[in-house]
Amino acid sequence: MKKLFSLWVMLLVVSAGSAMAQAQTQTQSSHYKAAETLLLTMGSPKTIDDNLQQMLTMQMEQVPAMKAAEVEVRSFFSKYMNWDAIKSDLIQLYMTEFTEKELKDMNTFYLTPTGKKMASKQSIITMKSAQIGQSKVEPHMMELQEAIQKKMQGDN
């Protein structure tokens, strides 16, 4: 009788653990799906490609020597920085930073006209923000170089 009771308790514990694991997997998959849906609603595949192309164009302008290998450079980055290559990592990032409910709330926003406009403007806002930062720092680069040089020489 004791053995039967012990066996029953063990089966109950295993069943409960299995049910909890299954529930957790379902929660994770719905969380994953919420993150993926948000990224797709935001237009991330296109945004990633647009940002990559803009970044490479800027690099080609800043380092004209790269122009000789432009096709190879673009091919390399298109191969390793495309949506399929980074999709899972981005989904995991969003899952880490946002709850499933937050992801769903953001998705709701991005489905509105304002949210769609925000998503379509995100690339240009990011690029223009970087240009603003660069324009603020660039005129003062000599000051930074002098401070680094002074520090490296051991002067305080």
Protein backbone atom coordinates (compact mmCIF):
# COMPACT_ATOMS: atom_id res chain seq x y z
CA MET A 1 0.00 0.00 0.00
CA LYS A 2 2.83 2.39 0.90
CA LYS A 3 4.53 1.61 -2.41
CA LEU A 4 1.32 2.30 -4.30
CA PHE A 5 0.87 5.61 -2.47
CA SER A 6 4.52 6.58 -3.16
CA LEU A 7 4.11 5.67 -6.81
CA TRP A 8 0.92 7.74 -7.02
CA VAL A 9 2.66 10.78 -5.39
CA MET A 10 5.61 10.43 -7.76
CA LEU A 11 3.31 10.28 -10.79
CA LEU A 12 1.42 13.32 -9.53
CA VAL A 13 4.68 15.28 -9.11
CA VAL A 14 5.92 14.24 -12.57
CA SER A 15 2.57 15.14 -14.14
CA ALA A 16 2.51 18.52 -12.42
CA GLY A 17 6.09 19.22 -13.49
CA SER A 18 5.31 18.21 -17.06
CA ALA A 19 2.21 20.41 -17.13
CA MET A 20 4.19 23.36 -15.74
CA ALA A 21 6.95 22.83 -18.33
CA GLN A 22 4.35 22.65 -21.10
CA ALA A 23 2.64 25.81 -19.85
CA GLN A 24 6.01 27.58 -19.68
CA THR A 25 6.84 26.49 -23.24
CA GLN A 26 3.47 27.79 -24.44
CA THR A 27 4.05 31.07 -22.62
CA GLN A 28 7.52 31.37 -24.10
CA SER A 29 6.24 30.62 -27.57
CA SER A 30 3.47 33.21 -27.27
CA HIS A 31 6.04 35.69 -25.92
CA TYR A 32 8.31 34.80 -28.87
CA LYS A 33 5.40 35.22 -31.28
CA ALA A 34 4.52 38.61 -29.76
CA ALA A 35 8.10 39.81 -30.24
CA GLU A 36 8.24 38.48 -33.79
CA THR A 37 4.87 40.04 -34.65
CA LEU A 38 5.98 43.41 -33.29
CA LEU A 39 9.22 43.35 -35.28
CA LEU A 40 7.31 42.47 -38.44
CA THR A 41 4.64 45.12 -37.78
CA MET A 42 7.41 47.68 -37.30
CA GLY A 43 8.81 46.70 -40.70
CA SER A 44 12.10 45.51 -39.23
CA PRO A 45 13.21 43.40 -42.22
CA LYS A 46 13.05 46.42 -44.53
CA THR A 47 14.39 48.81 -41.89
CA ILE A 48 17.37 46.57 -41.24
CA ASP A 49 18.18 46.42 -44.94
CA ASP A 50 17.67 50.18 -45.41
CA ASN A 51 19.88 51.00 -42.41
CA LEU A 52 22.56 48.62 -43.63
CA GLN A 53 22.58 50.14 -47.10
CA GLN A 54 22.70 53.69 -45.70
CA MET A 55 25.53 52.77 -43.34
CA LEU A 56 27.52 51.18 -46.16
CA THR A 57 26.94 54.19 -48.41
CA MET A 58 28.23 56.49 -45.67
CA GLN A 59 31.27 54.24 -45.17
CA MET A 60 32.01 54.32 -48.90
CA GLU A 61 31.85 58.13 -48.83
CA GLN A 62 34.07 58.39 -45.74
CA VAL A 63 36.60 55.80 -46.93
CA PRO A 64 36.79 56.14 -50.70
CA ALA A 65 39.32 53.28 -50.90
CA MET A 66 36.47 50.90 -50.01
CA LYS A 67 34.73 51.79 -53.28
CA ALA A 68 37.00 49.33 -55.13
CA ALA A 69 35.48 46.46 -53.11
CA GLU A 70 31.97 47.92 -52.76
CA VAL A 71 30.22 44.90 -54.33
CA GLU A 72 32.08 42.48 -52.06
CA VAL A 73 31.50 44.59 -48.93
CA ARG A 74 27.79 44.95 -49.63
CA SER A 75 27.51 41.24 -50.41
CA PHE A 76 29.30 40.32 -47.17
CA PHE A 77 27.07 42.48 -44.97
CA SER A 78 23.92 41.46 -46.83
CA LYS A 79 24.84 37.85 -46.14
CA TYR A 80 25.52 38.20 -42.39
CA MET A 81 23.34 41.16 -41.38
CA ASN A 82 20.09 40.34 -43.14
CA TRP A 83 16.75 39.75 -41.41
CA ASP A 84 17.04 35.96 -41.46
CA ALA A 85 20.53 36.10 -39.95
CA ILE A 86 19.59 38.31 -36.99
CA LYS A 87 15.86 37.67 -36.56
CA SER A 88 16.15 35.19 -33.68
CA ASP A 89 18.65 37.36 -31.82
CA LEU A 90 16.40 40.42 -32.15
CA ILE A 91 13.37 38.46 -30.99
CA GLN A 92 15.32 37.26 -27.95
CA LEU A 93 16.44 40.84 -27.26
CA TYR A 94 12.87 42.12 -27.36
CA MET A 95 11.71 39.21 -25.18
CA THR A 96 14.39 40.12 -22.64
CA GLU A 97 13.55 43.80 -22.60
CA PHE A 98 9.74 43.65 -22.80
CA THR A 99 6.99 41.51 -21.34
CA GLU A 100 4.58 39.79 -23.67
CA LYS A 101 1.89 42.31 -22.75
CA GLU A 102 4.21 45.24 -23.50
CA LEU A 103 5.06 43.73 -26.88
CA LYS A 104 1.37 43.34 -27.69
CA ASP A 105 0.68 46.92 -26.55
CA MET A 106 3.46 48.23 -28.79
CA ASN A 107 2.16 46.15 -31.68
CA THR A 108 -1.26 47.73 -31.20
CA PHE A 109 0.39 51.17 -31.39
CA TYR A 110 2.38 50.29 -34.52
CA LEU A 111 -0.83 49.23 -36.25
CA THR A 112 -2.24 52.78 -35.87
CA PRO A 113 -1.55 55.46 -38.52
CA THR A 114 0.79 57.25 -36.10
CA GLY A 115 2.60 54.00 -35.29
CA LYS A 116 2.97 53.20 -38.99
CA LYS A 117 4.41 56.67 -39.58
CA MET A 118 6.80 56.21 -36.65
CA ALA A 119 7.99 52.88 -38.06
CA SER A 120 8.47 54.32 -41.55
CA LYS A 121 10.46 57.29 -40.20
CA GLN A 122 12.62 55.34 -37.73
CA SER A 123 15.51 54.77 -40.16
CA ILE A 124 15.75 58.39 -41.17
CA ILE A 125 15.41 59.58 -37.56
CA THR A 126 18.22 57.23 -36.51
CA MET A 127 20.48 58.42 -39.33
CA LYS A 128 19.74 62.10 -38.73
CA SER A 129 20.29 61.64 -34.99
CA ALA A 130 23.70 60.14 -35.69
CA GLN A 131 24.50 63.06 -37.99
CA ILE A 132 23.47 65.55 -35.28
CA GLY A 133 25.74 63.80 -32.78
CA GLN A 134 28.61 63.73 -35.24
CA SER A 135 28.16 67.43 -36.08
CA LYS A 136 28.34 68.31 -32.37
CA VAL A 137 31.48 66.26 -31.70
CA GLU A 138 33.43 66.69 -34.94
CA PRO A 139 34.48 70.34 -34.41
CA HIS A 140 35.93 69.39 -31.01
CA MET A 141 37.84 66.24 -31.97
CA MET A 142 41.19 68.00 -31.59
CA GLU A 143 40.32 68.65 -27.93
CA LEU A 144 39.64 64.94 -27.41
CA GLN A 145 42.81 63.91 -29.24
CA GLU A 146 44.86 66.31 -27.09
CA ALA A 147 43.31 64.96 -23.87
CA ILE A 148 44.01 61.36 -24.91
CA GLN A 149 47.56 62.20 -25.98
CA LYS A 150 48.19 64.04 -22.71
CA LYS A 151 46.85 61.08 -20.70
CA MET A 152 48.94 58.58 -22.67
CA GLN A 153 52.08 60.63 -22.02
CA GLY A 154 51.37 60.44 -18.31
CA ASP A 155 50.55 64.09 -17.85
CA ASN A 156 47.69 64.94 -15.56
